[in-house]
Amino acid sequence: MIIDRDGNITIIAQEKASAKTLVNNIEQAYHKYKNYHLIIRLSSLEKIKLEDVIEFLRLSNTHRSAKKSFVIVSDQVNLDEMPDEIVVVPTLHEAYDIIEMEDIERDLGF
């Protein structure tokens, strides 16, 4: 697990382990990340299925309910298959855009 910070955003990348392992690792150290917006980079994983993304759903819901953004970055998924409850984008730049838009929405009270 590779962790990088950019202001109020934490970027977590996974090199070789499965999505399930990454979710478990994040949950175990969640106290370190709970005050930051989270970007989960799955770009290095070759094959990502819908089931892999769904592994992050509970973590995403918990994080978003605390008024923090949670975005998964992967260009290996079919975005049309992704559930509306979780934000998945193909590039890191789009993840930053989503966080910025969600910050504006929170500031406006949405």
Protein backbone atom coordinates (compact mmCIF):
# COMPACT_ATOMS: atom_id res chain seq x y z
CA MET A 1 0.00 0.00 0.00
CA ILE A 2 1.44 3.35 -1.05
CA ILE A 3 0.16 6.45 0.74
CA ASP A 4 0.60 10.02 -0.42
CA ARG A 5 -0.84 13.25 0.98
CA ASP A 6 -1.77 16.35 -0.98
CA GLY A 7 -3.22 18.97 1.36
CA ASN A 8 -6.49 17.60 2.73
CA ILE A 9 -6.44 14.61 0.35
CA THR A 10 -4.91 11.20 0.99
CA ILE A 11 -4.10 9.09 -2.05
CA ILE A 12 -3.83 5.36 -1.43
CA ALA A 13 -2.45 3.14 -4.18
CA GLN A 14 -2.23 -0.62 -4.30
CA GLU A 15 0.47 -2.42 -6.22
CA LYS A 16 -0.19 -6.13 -6.09
CA ALA A 17 -2.68 -7.21 -3.44
CA SER A 18 -6.37 -7.73 -4.09
CA ALA A 19 -9.07 -5.11 -3.60
CA LYS A 20 -10.31 -7.03 -0.55
CA THR A 21 -6.86 -6.90 1.05
CA LEU A 22 -6.62 -3.17 0.34
CA VAL A 23 -10.02 -2.55 1.95
CA ASN A 24 -8.94 -4.51 5.04
CA ASN A 25 -5.68 -2.55 5.26
CA ILE A 26 -7.49 0.79 4.98
CA GLU A 27 -10.09 -0.23 7.57
CA GLN A 28 -7.39 -1.25 10.05
CA ALA A 29 -5.66 2.13 9.73
CA TYR A 30 -8.82 4.17 9.13
CA HIS A 31 -8.13 6.48 12.08
CA LYS A 32 -5.20 7.89 10.05
CA TYR A 33 -7.39 8.72 7.04
CA LYS A 34 -10.79 9.65 8.44
CA ASN A 35 -10.14 13.41 8.41
CA TYR A 36 -8.99 13.50 4.78
CA HIS A 37 -10.70 13.11 1.43
CA LEU A 38 -9.67 9.72 0.05
CA ILE A 39 -8.59 8.78 -3.44
CA ILE A 40 -8.06 5.05 -3.95
CA ARG A 41 -5.87 4.34 -6.99
CA LEU A 42 -6.45 0.90 -8.43
CA SER A 43 -4.60 1.74 -11.63
CA SER A 44 -1.82 -0.75 -11.03
CA LEU A 45 -4.21 -3.70 -10.70
CA GLU A 46 -4.65 -5.35 -14.08
CA LYS A 47 -8.14 -6.79 -13.96
CA ILE A 48 -10.78 -5.08 -11.84
CA LYS A 49 -14.27 -6.49 -11.64
CA LEU A 50 -17.48 -5.01 -10.32
CA GLU A 51 -17.12 -7.22 -7.23
CA ASP A 52 -13.73 -5.63 -6.50
CA VAL A 53 -15.22 -2.14 -6.53
CA ILE A 54 -18.17 -3.25 -4.39
CA GLU A 55 -15.64 -4.27 -1.70
CA PHE A 56 -15.12 -0.53 -1.13
CA LEU A 57 -18.83 0.32 -0.77
CA ARG A 58 -19.08 0.09 3.02
CA LEU A 59 -15.88 2.09 3.46
CA SER A 60 -17.11 4.67 0.95
CA ASN A 61 -20.48 5.03 2.69
CA THR A 62 -18.81 5.46 6.08
CA HIS A 63 -16.41 8.08 4.77
CA ARG A 64 -19.03 10.01 2.80
CA SER A 65 -21.40 10.09 5.78
CA ALA A 66 -18.64 11.96 7.64
CA LYS A 67 -18.76 14.66 4.91
CA LYS A 68 -15.53 13.55 3.23
CA SER A 69 -15.07 12.54 -0.39
CA PHE A 70 -14.19 8.98 -1.40
CA VAL A 71 -13.15 8.40 -5.03
CA ILE A 72 -11.79 5.29 -6.74
CA VAL A 73 -9.50 5.78 -9.74
CA SER A 74 -9.27 3.03 -12.32
CA ASP A 75 -9.22 2.91 -16.06
CA GLN A 76 -9.67 -0.88 -15.95
CA VAL A 77 -13.40 -0.88 -15.12
CA ASN A 78 -16.54 -0.49 -17.16
CA LEU A 79 -17.89 2.76 -15.70
CA ASP A 80 -21.40 1.93 -16.92
CA GLU A 81 -21.45 -1.11 -14.59
CA MET A 82 -20.50 0.84 -11.47
CA PRO A 83 -23.21 1.47 -8.87
CA ASP A 84 -24.29 5.07 -8.29
CA GLU A 85 -23.43 4.77 -4.59
CA ILE A 86 -19.70 4.79 -5.25
CA VAL A 87 -17.65 7.27 -7.27
CA VAL A 88 -15.30 5.70 -9.83
CA VAL A 89 -13.36 7.77 -12.36
CA PRO A 90 -10.69 6.83 -14.91
CA THR A 91 -8.04 9.46 -14.02
CA LEU A 92 -6.48 11.09 -10.99
CA HIS A 93 -7.28 14.51 -12.43
CA GLU A 94 -10.99 13.63 -12.52
CA ALA A 95 -10.78 12.45 -8.90
CA TYR A 96 -9.49 15.89 -7.87
CA ASP A 97 -12.32 17.50 -9.87
CA ILE A 98 -14.92 15.36 -8.08
CA ILE A 99 -13.51 16.30 -4.67
CA GLU A 100 -13.56 19.98 -5.61
CA MET A 101 -17.19 19.76 -6.78
CA GLU A 102 -18.24 17.86 -3.65
CA ASP A 103 -16.51 20.48 -1.46
CA ILE A 104 -18.50 23.20 -3.21
CA GLU A 105 -21.73 21.23 -2.71
CA ARG A 106 -20.95 20.77 1.01
CA ASP A 107 -20.21 24.50 1.35
CA LEU A 108 -23.60 25.26 -0.25
CA GLY A 109 -25.34 22.87 2.13
CA PHE A 110 -26.20 20.02 -0.24
